[in-house]
């Protein structure tokens, strides 16, 4: 063997390690009358390291009130619109379909992406939600790890989606 063959291999310098780009947080408007479901959704986001920020309404009435206040405020100043609406179907104050119908019939709100996440996945409810303009429809997972996977998928899809400016 020659002296060159006995020399240690040269390593290529790659420079300093690349810094990870922080994942942009999404503002989620979670409309669900079950505090347990709200907490589970938030825990799943934490487990998945998904940067969601939340605004929560526990009834259709409160959801409609919040959306109305955003609309009124937007007449005089810039507001932070939700990036994603996660909506339950069965709850007090008219239910989720009433909220979905209001969102889709209000021009300023209609571009909001609305995801149905419900424990009542009947064919009739599914069909009604899609007819009213839901972007997608999911049955609430019975397993926490499935919920973690779902919030990861939701984040991956909606953090990169191009949405119109409201």
Protein backbone atom coordinates (compact mmCIF):
# COMPACT_ATOMS: atom_id res chain seq x y z
CA UNK A 1 0.00 0.00 0.00
CA UNK A 2 1.13 3.46 -0.76
CA UNK A 3 1.36 6.23 1.78
CA UNK A 4 -1.65 7.92 0.16
CA UNK A 5 -3.84 4.87 0.71
CA UNK A 6 -2.96 4.85 4.41
CA UNK A 7 -4.09 8.45 4.91
CA UNK A 8 -7.47 8.96 6.60
CA UNK A 9 -10.28 9.76 4.24
CA UNK A 10 -11.00 13.42 3.80
CA UNK A 11 -14.42 14.57 4.87
CA UNK A 12 -16.39 17.12 2.99
CA UNK A 13 -17.19 20.26 4.89
CA UNK A 14 -20.89 20.98 4.78
CA UNK A 15 -20.78 24.18 6.76
CA UNK A 16 -22.83 24.86 9.86
CA UNK A 17 -25.93 22.75 10.38
CA UNK A 18 -28.97 24.16 8.70
CA UNK A 19 -31.43 25.79 11.02
CA UNK A 20 -34.92 24.44 10.96
CA UNK A 21 -37.53 26.82 9.71
CA UNK A 22 -40.11 27.28 12.42
CA UNK A 23 -43.48 25.92 11.49
CA UNK A 24 -45.99 28.74 11.13
CA UNK A 25 -48.76 28.63 13.71
CA UNK A 26 -52.33 28.39 12.49
CA UNK A 27 -55.25 29.99 14.26
CA UNK A 28 -57.96 27.38 14.68
CA UNK A 29 -61.51 28.33 15.58
CA UNK A 30 -62.67 25.17 17.35
CA UNK A 31 -66.44 25.02 17.76
CA UNK A 32 -67.40 22.16 20.05
CA UNK A 33 -69.67 21.96 23.09
CA UNK A 34 -67.56 19.27 24.76
CA UNK A 35 -64.75 20.61 26.93
CA UNK A 36 -63.26 17.11 26.93
CA UNK A 37 -63.11 17.12 23.12
CA UNK A 38 -61.53 20.58 23.12
CA UNK A 39 -58.86 19.49 25.61
CA UNK A 40 -58.18 16.24 23.70
CA UNK A 41 -57.77 18.16 20.43
CA UNK A 42 -55.32 20.57 22.07
CA UNK A 43 -53.42 17.71 23.75
CA UNK A 44 -53.17 15.92 20.39
CA UNK A 45 -51.74 19.09 18.84
CA UNK A 46 -49.17 19.32 21.62
CA UNK A 47 -48.27 15.62 21.24
CA UNK A 48 -47.87 16.08 17.48
CA UNK A 49 -45.84 19.27 17.97
CA UNK A 50 -48.37 21.08 15.79
CA UNK A 51 -48.40 24.84 16.30
CA UNK A 52 -52.10 25.57 16.45
CA UNK A 53 -53.43 28.53 18.39
CA UNK A 54 -57.05 28.26 19.39
CA UNK A 55 -60.13 30.28 19.80
CA UNK A 56 -62.91 28.11 21.19
CA UNK A 57 -66.69 28.43 21.16
CA UNK A 58 -68.83 25.91 23.02
CA UNK A 59 -72.07 26.51 21.13
CA UNK A 60 -73.33 27.54 17.72
CA UNK A 61 -74.66 30.78 19.25
CA UNK A 62 -71.24 31.73 20.61
CA UNK A 63 -69.57 30.80 17.34
CA UNK A 64 -71.97 33.01 15.38
CA UNK A 65 -71.46 35.84 17.88
CA UNK A 66 -67.67 35.59 17.56
CA UNK A 67 -67.83 35.59 13.76
CA UNK A 68 -70.19 38.59 13.82
CA UNK A 69 -67.80 40.49 16.08
CA UNK A 70 -64.92 39.76 13.69
CA UNK A 71 -67.01 41.02 10.77
CA UNK A 72 -67.92 44.22 12.61
CA UNK A 73 -64.34 44.80 13.72
CA UNK A 74 -63.02 44.23 10.21
CA UNK A 75 -64.98 47.30 9.06
CA UNK A 76 -62.65 49.57 11.06
CA UNK A 77 -59.40 47.67 11.48
CA UNK A 78 -57.39 44.64 10.49
CA UNK A 79 -58.42 41.43 12.25
CA UNK A 80 -56.82 38.03 12.66
CA UNK A 81 -59.14 35.64 10.86
CA UNK A 82 -59.06 31.93 11.68
CA UNK A 83 -56.90 29.87 9.35
CA UNK A 84 -59.12 26.86 9.92
CA UNK A 85 -62.54 26.21 11.46
CA UNK A 86 -62.92 22.84 13.17
CA UNK A 87 -66.62 22.32 13.66
CA UNK A 88 -68.69 19.79 15.59
CA UNK A 89 -72.19 19.07 14.32
CA UNK A 90 -74.30 18.26 17.38
CA UNK A 91 -74.28 21.01 20.01
CA UNK A 92 -76.55 23.58 21.62
CA UNK A 93 -77.68 26.71 19.84
CA UNK A 94 -78.58 25.37 16.42
CA UNK A 95 -75.75 22.93 15.78
CA UNK A 96 -72.77 22.99 13.51
CA UNK A 97 -74.70 22.92 10.25
CA UNK A 98 -76.22 26.29 11.18
CA UNK A 99 -72.72 27.71 11.68
CA UNK A 100 -71.49 26.20 8.42
CA UNK A 101 -74.47 27.63 6.54
CA UNK A 102 -73.79 31.08 8.03
CA UNK A 103 -70.11 30.93 7.07
CA UNK A 104 -70.83 29.89 3.49
CA UNK A 105 -73.64 32.44 3.02
CA UNK A 106 -71.57 35.38 4.31
CA UNK A 107 -69.28 36.63 1.52
CA UNK A 108 -66.51 37.81 3.85
CA UNK A 109 -66.49 34.48 5.74
CA UNK A 110 -67.11 32.07 2.87
CA UNK A 111 -63.41 31.53 2.03
CA UNK A 112 -62.74 30.12 5.54
CA UNK A 113 -61.80 26.44 5.40
CA UNK A 114 -64.25 24.42 7.50
CA UNK A 115 -63.44 20.92 8.70
CA UNK A 116 -66.22 18.87 10.26
CA UNK A 117 -65.04 16.75 13.19
CA UNK A 118 -68.01 14.94 14.67
CA UNK A 119 -69.04 11.91 16.66
CA UNK A 120 -72.20 11.66 14.53
CA UNK A 121 -70.94 10.55 11.11
CA UNK A 122 -74.26 9.47 9.61
CA UNK A 123 -74.61 9.51 5.85
CA UNK A 124 -77.30 12.20 6.06
CA UNK A 125 -75.13 14.51 8.18
CA UNK A 126 -72.13 13.88 5.94
CA UNK A 127 -74.13 14.70 2.82
CA UNK A 128 -75.68 17.83 4.38
CA UNK A 129 -72.28 19.13 5.51
CA UNK A 130 -70.75 18.64 2.08
CA UNK A 131 -73.75 20.26 0.36
CA UNK A 132 -73.35 23.28 2.64
CA UNK A 133 -69.70 23.55 1.66
CA UNK A 134 -67.59 21.78 4.28
CA UNK A 135 -64.03 21.29 3.03
CA UNK A 136 -63.80 17.87 4.64
CA UNK A 137 -65.61 15.60 7.09
CA UNK A 138 -64.03 13.42 9.77
CA UNK A 139 -65.40 11.15 12.43
CA UNK A 140 -63.90 11.89 15.84
CA UNK A 141 -61.26 9.22 16.40
CA UNK A 142 -61.85 6.94 19.37
CA UNK A 143 -58.10 6.51 19.86
CA UNK A 144 -55.82 9.36 20.98
CA UNK A 145 -53.01 8.39 18.59
CA UNK A 146 -55.46 8.53 15.68
CA UNK A 147 -56.37 12.06 16.76
CA UNK A 148 -52.67 12.95 16.87
CA UNK A 149 -52.34 11.65 13.30
CA UNK A 150 -55.42 13.61 12.22
CA UNK A 151 -54.20 16.94 13.64
CA UNK A 152 -50.81 16.33 12.03
CA UNK A 153 -52.49 15.80 8.67
CA UNK A 154 -54.71 18.84 9.12
CA UNK A 155 -51.71 20.99 9.94
CA UNK A 156 -49.64 19.65 7.05
CA UNK A 157 -52.45 20.33 4.60
CA UNK A 158 -53.68 23.71 5.83
CA UNK A 159 -50.33 25.27 6.78
CA UNK A 160 -49.23 25.03 3.15
CA UNK A 161 -52.58 25.76 1.47
CA UNK A 162 -52.98 29.10 -0.24
CA UNK A 163 -56.06 30.86 0.99
CA UNK A 164 -57.66 34.10 -0.15
CA UNK A 165 -57.11 37.17 1.95
CA UNK A 166 -60.22 38.10 3.90
